[in-house]
Amino acid sequence: MDPLETQSQYQNYVNKKSPNSPIFKNCFNAFWVGGLICSIGQIIGEVCKYNGLDIQLSGTIVSIILIGLSAFLTALNIFNKIGKFAGAGSLVPITGFANSIVSPAMEYKSEGYVMGVGAKMFTVAGPVLVFGISSSILVGIIYFILT
């Protein structure tokens, strides 16, 4: 039997068995959920500014509330359901980052606070932090040399 024929038969089989992804629906859900998260952050910021706080402090409070809320929703297993529904829309940077810290911490809690929670907490977010910090240092050095 020809390997190409077998490969094409297998590909036809996979195409029949795998459901088509509703791309428009997925994009729409990601868009409105991400927009809702951002709108909630904007509302919190506006309430802070209305109560006399400056812009920088308002931004800090918005960050703290969104991180706390997403960590709380992750602990209740609600954030994962939102993620399945909204996909990338739920990964608005600050809420997605909080989820990526809390999820492994909860998963490895049974291994103890040091070797479980402490060691595994940054398994998802750690590489992102290392790359972000390393690249910012590199850009800073290049900027320093060129100016």
Foldseek 3Di string as FASTA:
>chain_A
DDPVVVVVVVVVVVVVPDDDDPVVQLQVLLVVLLVVLVVVLVVQLVVCVVVPDDNVVSNVVSLVVLLVVLLVCVVVVNLVVSCVNRPCSSPPPSSVLSNLQNVQLVVQPVVDCCVGNVVRRCVPVVVVVVVVVVVVVVVVVVVVVVD
